[in-house]
């Protein structure tokens, strides 16, 4: 069974999704360190959180599909 690191090596889509997820996480961290967010930053934060969840769901679907392909 492949873990996330193995999938990142063997599956280009998974690698791209994981990288995008990491970038979202970094930007959300930057926003969280601010004392106050502008209206645009608040909208960006909401968008990034939604996108990050969608990315994670897609990565989990790829991982689940890969596990189902591998015979026990």
PDB file of N, CA and C in Angstrom:
ATOM      1  N   UNK A   1       0.840  -1.184   0.000  1.00  0.00           N
ATOM      2  CA  UNK A   1       0.000   0.000   0.000  1.00  0.00           C
ATOM      3  C   UNK A   1       0.881   1.242   0.000  1.00  0.00           C
ATOM      4  N   UNK A   2       0.504   2.202  -0.819  1.00  0.00           N
ATOM      5  CA  UNK A   2       1.311   3.413  -0.945  1.00  0.00           C
ATOM      6  C   UNK A   2       0.888   4.461   0.074  1.00  0.00           C
ATOM      7  N   UNK A   3       1.875   5.138   0.640  1.00  0.00           N
ATOM      8  CA  UNK A   3       1.551   6.272   1.521  1.00  0.00           C
ATOM      9  C   UNK A   3       1.620   7.557   0.689  1.00  0.00           C
ATOM     10  N   UNK A   4       1.394   8.698   1.351  1.00  0.00           N
ATOM     11  CA  UNK A   4       1.386   9.973   0.640  1.00  0.00           C
ATOM     12  C   UNK A   4       2.682  10.283  -0.083  1.00  0.00           C
ATOM     13  N   UNK A   5       3.820   9.933   0.525  1.00  0.00           N
ATOM     14  CA  UNK A   5       5.104  10.211  -0.120  1.00  0.00           C
ATOM     15  C   UNK A   5       5.283   9.351  -1.364  1.00  0.00           C
ATOM     16  N   UNK A   6       4.898   8.073  -1.273  1.00  0.00           N
ATOM     17  CA  UNK A   6       5.013   7.207  -2.443  1.00  0.00           C
ATOM     18  C   UNK A   6       4.072   7.657  -3.549  1.00  0.00           C
ATOM     19  N   UNK A   7       2.862   8.057  -3.165  1.00  0.00           N
ATOM     20  CA  UNK A   7       1.912   8.557  -4.160  1.00  0.00           C
ATOM     21  C   UNK A   7       2.427   9.828  -4.815  1.00  0.00           C
ATOM     22  N   UNK A   8       3.077  10.684  -4.054  1.00  0.00           N
ATOM     23  CA  UNK A   8       3.617  11.929  -4.602  1.00  0.00           C
ATOM     24  C   UNK A   8       4.675  11.647  -5.656  1.00  0.00           C
ATOM     25  N   UNK A   9       5.382  10.538  -5.495  1.00  0.00           N
ATOM     26  CA  UNK A   9       6.408  10.163  -6.469  1.00  0.00           C
ATOM     27  C   UNK A   9       5.771   9.516  -7.694  1.00  0.00           C
ATOM     28  N   UNK A  10       4.782   8.650  -7.467  1.00  0.00           N
ATOM     29  CA  UNK A  10       4.234   7.853  -8.566  1.00  0.00           C
ATOM     30  C   UNK A  10       3.044   8.485  -9.277  1.00  0.00           C
ATOM     31  N   UNK A  11       2.411   9.478  -8.669  1.00  0.00           N
ATOM     32  CA  UNK A  11       1.196  10.048  -9.249  1.00  0.00           C
ATOM     33  C   UNK A  11       1.339  11.566  -9.382  1.00  0.00           C
ATOM     34  N   UNK A  12       1.497  12.060 -10.611  1.00  0.00           N
ATOM     35  CA  UNK A  12       1.698  13.503 -10.817  1.00  0.00           C
ATOM     36  C   UNK A  12       0.538  14.354 -10.298  1.00  0.00           C
ATOM     37  N   UNK A  13      -0.696  13.866 -10.446  1.00  0.00           N
ATOM     38  CA  UNK A  13      -1.836  14.647  -9.963  1.00  0.00           C
ATOM     39  C   UNK A  13      -1.795  14.767  -8.442  1.00  0.00           C
ATOM     40  N   UNK A  14      -1.496  13.658  -7.760  1.00  0.00           N
ATOM     41  CA  UNK A  14      -1.405  13.685  -6.304  1.00  0.00           C
ATOM     42  C   UNK A  14      -0.307  14.648  -5.866  1.00  0.00           C
ATOM     43  N   UNK A  15       0.827  14.614  -6.552  1.00  0.00           N
ATOM     44  CA  UNK A  15       1.953  15.500  -6.232  1.00  0.00           C
ATOM     45  C   UNK A  15       1.540  16.967  -6.391  1.00  0.00           C
ATOM     46  N   UNK A  16       0.839  17.282  -7.482  1.00  0.00           N
ATOM     47  CA  UNK A  16       0.382  18.647  -7.728  1.00  0.00           C
ATOM     48  C   UNK A  16      -0.613  19.081  -6.657  1.00  0.00           C
ATOM     49  N   UNK A  17      -1.545  18.209  -6.314  1.00  0.00           N
ATOM     50  CA  UNK A  17      -2.538  18.529  -5.288  1.00  0.00           C
ATOM     51  C   UNK A  17      -1.869  18.767  -3.938  1.00  0.00           C
ATOM     52  N   UNK A  18      -0.907  17.919  -3.589  1.00  0.00           N
ATOM     53  CA  UNK A  18      -0.224  18.062  -2.303  1.00  0.00           C
ATOM     54  C   UNK A  18       0.567  19.369  -2.244  1.00  0.00           C
ATOM     55  N   UNK A  19       1.189  19.731  -3.342  1.00  0.00           N
ATOM     56  CA  UNK A  19       1.955  20.987  -3.395  1.00  0.00           C
ATOM     57  C   UNK A  19       1.018  22.185  -3.260  1.00  0.00           C
ATOM     58  N   UNK A  20      -0.117  22.128  -3.959  1.00  0.00           N
ATOM     59  CA  UNK A  20      -1.085  23.219  -3.871  1.00  0.00           C
ATOM     60  C   UNK A  20      -1.649  23.313  -2.449  1.00  0.00           C
ATOM     61  N   UNK A  21      -1.912  22.171  -1.838  1.00  0.00           N
ATOM     62  CA  UNK A  21      -2.401  22.127  -0.449  1.00  0.00           C
ATOM     63  C   UNK A  21      -1.379  22.779   0.483  1.00  0.00           C
ATOM     64  N   UNK A  22      -0.103  22.470   0.271  1.00  0.00           N
ATOM     65  CA  UNK A  22       0.970  23.041   1.090  1.00  0.00           C
ATOM     66  C   UNK A  22       1.035  24.562   0.925  1.00  0.00           C
ATOM     67  N   UNK A  23       0.892  25.043  -0.303  1.00  0.00           N
ATOM     68  CA  UNK A  23       0.913  26.497  -0.542  1.00  0.00           C
ATOM     69  C   UNK A  23      -0.264  27.179   0.154  1.00  0.00           C
ATOM     70  N   UNK A  24      -1.425  26.553   0.093  1.00  0.00           N
ATOM     71  CA  UNK A  24      -2.594  27.114   0.781  1.00  0.00           C
ATOM     72  C   UNK A  24      -2.343  27.168   2.286  1.00  0.00           C
ATOM     73  N   UNK A  25      -1.772  26.103   2.820  1.00  0.00           N
ATOM     74  CA  UNK A  25      -1.480  26.043   4.254  1.00  0.00           C
ATOM     75  C   UNK A  25      -0.516  27.168   4.649  1.00  0.00           C
ATOM     76  N   UNK A  26       0.504  27.386   3.841  1.00  0.00           N
ATOM     77  CA  UNK A  26       1.471  28.453   4.128  1.00  0.00           C
ATOM     78  C   UNK A  26       0.801  29.824   4.113  1.00  0.00           C
ATOM     79  N   UNK A  27      -0.039  30.072   3.119  1.00  0.00           N
ATOM     80  CA  UNK A  27      -0.709  31.375   3.025  1.00  0.00           C
ATOM     81  C   UNK A  27      -1.684  31.560   4.185  1.00  0.00           C
ATOM     82  N   UNK A  28      -2.404  30.504   4.552  1.00  0.00           N
ATOM     83  CA  UNK A  28      -3.319  30.601   5.691  1.00  0.00           C
ATOM     84  C   UNK A  28      -2.550  30.900   6.971  1.00  0.00           C
ATOM     85  N   UNK A  29      -1.372  30.331   7.103  1.00  0.00           N
ATOM     86  CA  UNK A  29      -0.529  30.614   8.269  1.00  0.00           C
ATOM     87  C   UNK A  29      -0.124  32.089   8.284  1.00  0.00           C
ATOM     88  N   UNK A  30       0.244  32.624   7.119  1.00  0.00           N
ATOM     89  CA  UNK A  30       0.596  34.043   7.027  1.00  0.00           C
ATOM     90  C   UNK A  30      -0.579  34.920   7.445  1.00  0.00           C
ATOM     91  N   UNK A  31      -1.764  34.578   6.970  1.00  0.00           N
ATOM     92  CA  UNK A  31      -2.950  35.359   7.300  1.00  0.00           C
ATOM     93  C   UNK A  31      -3.273  35.252   8.796  1.00  0.00           C
ATOM     94  N   UNK A  32      -3.087  34.083   9.368  1.00  0.00           N
ATOM     95  CA  UNK A  32      -3.386  33.869  10.790  1.00  0.00           C
ATOM     96  C   UNK A  32      -2.464  34.688  11.687  1.00  0.00           C
ATOM     97  N   UNK A  33      -1.271  35.002  11.219  1.00  0.00           N
ATOM     98  CA  UNK A  33      -0.318  35.774  12.019  1.00  0.00           C
ATOM     99  C   UNK A  33      -0.652  37.266  12.046  1.00  0.00           C
ATOM    100  N   UNK A  34      -1.522  37.701  11.141  1.00  0.00           N
ATOM    101  CA  UNK A  34      -1.883  39.120  11.108  1.00  0.00           C
ATOM    102  C   UNK A  34      -2.843  39.441  12.250  1.00  0.00           C
ATOM    103  N   UNK A  35      -2.721  40.642  12.773  1.00  0.00           N
ATOM    104  CA  UNK A  35      -3.601  41.101  13.846  1.00  0.00           C
ATOM    105  C   UNK A  35      -5.009  41.316  13.322  1.00  0.00           C
ATOM    106  N   UNK A  36      -5.075  41.884  12.135  1.00  0.00           N
ATOM    107  CA  UNK A  36      -6.373  42.201  11.542  1.00  0.00           C
ATOM    108  C   UNK A  36      -6.303  41.954  10.039  1.00  0.00           C
ATOM    109  N   UNK A  37      -7.380  41.361   9.498  1.00  0.00           N
ATOM    110  CA  UNK A  37      -7.423  41.099   8.066  1.00  0.00           C
ATOM    111  C   UNK A  37      -8.295  42.134   7.370  1.00  0.00           C
ATOM    112  N   UNK A  38      -7.876  42.505   6.173  1.00  0.00           N
ATOM    113  CA  UNK A  38      -8.722  43.369   5.349  1.00  0.00           C
ATOM    114  C   UNK A  38      -9.893  42.523   4.837  1.00  0.00           C
ATOM    115  N   UNK A  39     -10.862  43.184   4.272  1.00  0.00           N
ATOM    116  CA  UNK A  39     -12.006  42.458   3.707  1.00  0.00           C
ATOM    117  C   UNK A  39     -11.548  41.473   2.626  1.00  0.00           C
ATOM    118  N   UNK A  40     -10.623  41.910   1.777  1.00  0.00           N
ATOM    119  CA  UNK A  40     -10.092  41.029   0.730  1.00  0.00           C
ATOM    120  C   UNK A  40      -9.365  39.825   1.330  1.00  0.00           C
ATOM    121  N   UNK A  41      -8.610  40.066   2.389  1.00  0.00           N
ATOM    122  CA  UNK A  41      -7.886  38.967   3.035  1.00  0.00           C
ATOM    123  C   UNK A  41      -8.851  37.983   3.699  1.00  0.00           C
ATOM    124  N   UNK A  42      -9.930  38.500   4.265  1.00  0.00           N
ATOM    125  CA  UNK A  42     -10.933  37.608   4.853  1.00  0.00           C
ATOM    126  C   UNK A  42     -11.560  36.714   3.783  1.00  0.00           C
ATOM    127  N   UNK A  43     -11.861  37.304   2.640  1.00  0.00           N
ATOM    128  CA  UNK A  43     -12.411  36.524   1.527  1.00  0.00           C
ATOM    129  C   UNK A  43     -11.390  35.497   1.031  1.00  0.00           C
ATOM    130  N   UNK A  44     -10.137  35.921   0.946  1.00  0.00           N
ATOM    131  CA  UNK A  44      -9.079  35.006   0.520  1.00  0.00           C
ATOM    132  C   UNK A  44      -8.953  33.847   1.501  1.00  0.00           C
ATOM    133  N   UNK A  45      -9.007  34.150   2.795  1.00  0.00           N
ATOM    134  CA  UNK A  45      -8.903  33.111   3.815  1.00  0.00           C
ATOM    135  C   UNK A  45     -10.030  32.081   3.673  1.00  0.00           C
ATOM    136  N   UNK A  46     -11.242  32.549   3.479  1.00  0.00           N
ATOM    137  CA  UNK A  46     -12.382  31.639   3.299  1.00  0.00           C
ATOM    138  C   UNK A  46     -12.209  30.786   2.053  1.00  0.00           C
ATOM    139  N   UNK A  47     -11.775  31.422   0.966  1.00  0.00           N
ATOM    140  CA  UNK A  47     -11.571  30.695  -0.287  1.00  0.00           C
ATOM    141  C   UNK A  47     -10.492  29.634  -0.138  1.00  0.00           C
ATOM    142  N   UNK A  48      -9.387  30.017   0.499  1.00  0.00           N
ATOM    143  CA  UNK A  48      -8.278  29.075   0.679  1.00  0.00           C
ATOM    144  C   UNK A  48      -8.685  27.879   1.535  1.00  0.00           C
ATOM    145  N   UNK A  49      -9.456  28.128   2.584  1.00  0.00           N
ATOM    146  CA  UNK A  49      -9.912  27.029   3.446  1.00  0.00           C
ATOM    147  C   UNK A  49     -10.792  26.054   2.674  1.00  0.00           C
ATOM    148  N   UNK A  50     -11.702  26.595   1.855  1.00  0.00           N
ATOM    149  CA  UNK A  50     -12.569  25.732   1.045  1.00  0.00           C
ATOM    150  C   UNK A  50     -11.751  24.937   0.038  1.00  0.00           C
ATOM    151  N   UNK A  51     -10.847  25.628  -0.652  1.00  0.00           N
ATOM    152  CA  UNK A  51     -10.022  24.956  -1.660  1.00  0.00           C
ATOM    153  C   UNK A  51      -9.141  23.892  -1.015  1.00  0.00           C
ATOM    154  N   UNK A  52      -8.605  24.204   0.155  1.00  0.00           N
ATOM    155  CA  UNK A  52      -7.740  23.257   0.856  1.00  0.00           C
ATOM    156  C   UNK A  52      -8.509  21.976   1.196  1.00  0.00           C
ATOM    157  N   UNK A  53      -9.749  22.124   1.645  1.00  0.00           N
ATOM    158  CA  UNK A  53     -10.581  20.948   1.927  1.00  0.00           C
ATOM    159  C   UNK A  53     -10.855  20.143   0.664  1.00  0.00           C
ATOM    160  N   UNK A  54     -11.138  20.824  -0.438  1.00  0.00           N
ATOM    161  CA  UNK A  54     -11.373  20.124  -1.694  1.00  0.00           C
ATOM    162  C   UNK A  54     -10.122  19.374  -2.155  1.00  0.00           C
ATOM    163  N   UNK A  55      -8.970  20.007  -1.988  1.00  0.00           N
ATOM    164  CA  UNK A  55      -7.710  19.356  -2.351  1.00  0.00           C
ATOM    165  C   UNK A  55      -7.489  18.103  -1.508  1.00  0.00           C
ATOM    166  N   UNK A  56      -7.734  18.220  -0.212  1.00  0.00           N
ATOM    167  CA  UNK A  56      -7.549  17.078   0.684  1.00  0.00           C
ATOM    168  C   UNK A  56      -8.509  15.950   0.316  1.00  0.00           C
ATOM    169  N   UNK A  57      -9.757  16.305   0.031  1.00  0.00           N
ATOM    170  CA  UNK A  57     -10.730  15.289  -0.384  1.00  0.00           C
ATOM    171  C   UNK A  57     -10.268  14.573  -1.645  1.00  0.00           C
ATOM    172  N   UNK A  58      -9.753  15.322  -2.600  1.00  0.00           N
ATOM    173  CA  UNK A  58      -9.288  14.715  -3.852  1.00  0.00           C
ATOM    174  C   UNK A  58      -8.075  13.809  -3.602  1.00  0.00           C
ATOM    175  N   UNK A  59      -7.151  14.248  -2.755  1.00  0.00           N
ATOM    176  CA  UNK A  59      -5.988  13.411  -2.442  1.00  0.00           C
ATOM    177  C   UNK A  59      -6.428  12.117  -1.761  1.00  0.00           C
ATOM    178  N   UNK A  60      -7.389  12.220  -0.851  1.00  0.00           N
ATOM    179  CA  UNK A  60      -7.895  11.028  -0.171  1.00  0.00           C
ATOM    180  C   UNK A  60      -8.581  10.092  -1.153  1.00  0.00           C
ATOM    181  N   UNK A  61      -9.312  10.650  -2.121  1.00  0.00           N
ATOM    182  CA  UNK A  61      -9.973   9.823  -3.133  1.00  0.00           C
ATOM    183  C   UNK A  61      -8.935   9.081  -3.981  1.00  0.00           C
ATOM    184  N   UNK A  62      -7.869   9.762  -4.353  1.00  0.00           N
ATOM    185  CA  UNK A  62      -6.797   9.114  -5.125  1.00  0.00           C
ATOM    186  C   UNK A  62      -6.177   8.000  -4.299  1.00  0.00           C
ATOM    187  N   UNK A  63      -5.891   8.275  -3.041  1.00  0.00           N
ATOM    188  CA  UNK A  63      -5.285   7.281  -2.167  1.00  0.00           C
ATOM    189  C   UNK A  63      -6.209   6.073  -1.992  1.00  0.00           C
ATOM    190  N   UNK A  64      -7.497   6.336  -1.768  1.00  0.00           N
ATOM    191  CA  UNK A  64      -8.473   5.256  -1.590  1.00  0.00           C
ATOM    192  C   UNK A  64      -8.568   4.421  -2.865  1.00  0.00           C
ATOM    193  N   UNK A  65      -8.605   5.081  -4.012  1.00  0.00           N
ATOM    194  CA  UNK A  65      -8.676   4.378  -5.290  1.00  0.00           C
ATOM    195  C   UNK A  65      -7.445   3.495  -5.490  1.00  0.00           C
ATOM    196  N   UNK A  66      -6.296   4.032  -5.138  1.00  0.00           N
ATOM    197  CA  UNK A  66      -5.041   3.273  -5.286  1.00  0.00           C
ATOM    198  C   UNK A  66      -5.041   2.043  -4.379  1.00  0.00           C
ATOM    199  N   UNK A  67      -5.559   2.205  -3.138  1.00  0.00           N
ATOM    200  CA  UNK A  67      -5.638   1.071  -2.207  1.00  0.00           C
ATOM    201  C   UNK A  67      -6.572  -0.017  -2.733  1.00  0.00           C
ATOM    202  N   UNK A  68      -7.664   0.412  -3.364  1.00  0.00           N
ATOM    203  CA  UNK A  68      -8.633  -0.544  -3.902  1.00  0.00           C
ATOM    204  C   UNK A  68      -8.063  -1.316  -5.097  1.00  0.00           C
ATOM    205  N   UNK A  69      -7.136  -0.705  -5.813  1.00  0.00           N
ATOM    206  CA  UNK A  69      -6.504  -1.351  -6.960  1.00  0.00           C
ATOM    207  C   UNK A  69      -5.524  -2.441  -6.542  1.00  0.00           C
ATOM    208  N   UNK A  70      -4.919  -2.268  -5.373  1.00  0.00           N
ATOM    209  CA  UNK A  70      -3.883  -3.191  -4.905  1.00  0.00           C
ATOM    210  C   UNK A  70      -4.553  -4.388  -4.249  1.00  0.00           C
ATOM    211  N   UNK A  71      -4.293  -5.610  -4.760  1.00  0.00           N
ATOM    212  CA  UNK A  71      -4.885  -6.790  -4.131  1.00  0.00           C
ATOM    213  C   UNK A  71      -4.309  -7.025  -2.740  1.00  0.00           C
ATOM    214  N   UNK A  72      -5.166  -7.483  -1.823  1.00  0.00           N
ATOM    215  CA  UNK A  72      -4.730  -7.733  -0.449  1.00  0.00           C
ATOM    216  C   UNK A  72      -3.912  -8.979  -0.345  1.00  0.00           C
TER     217      UNK A  72
END
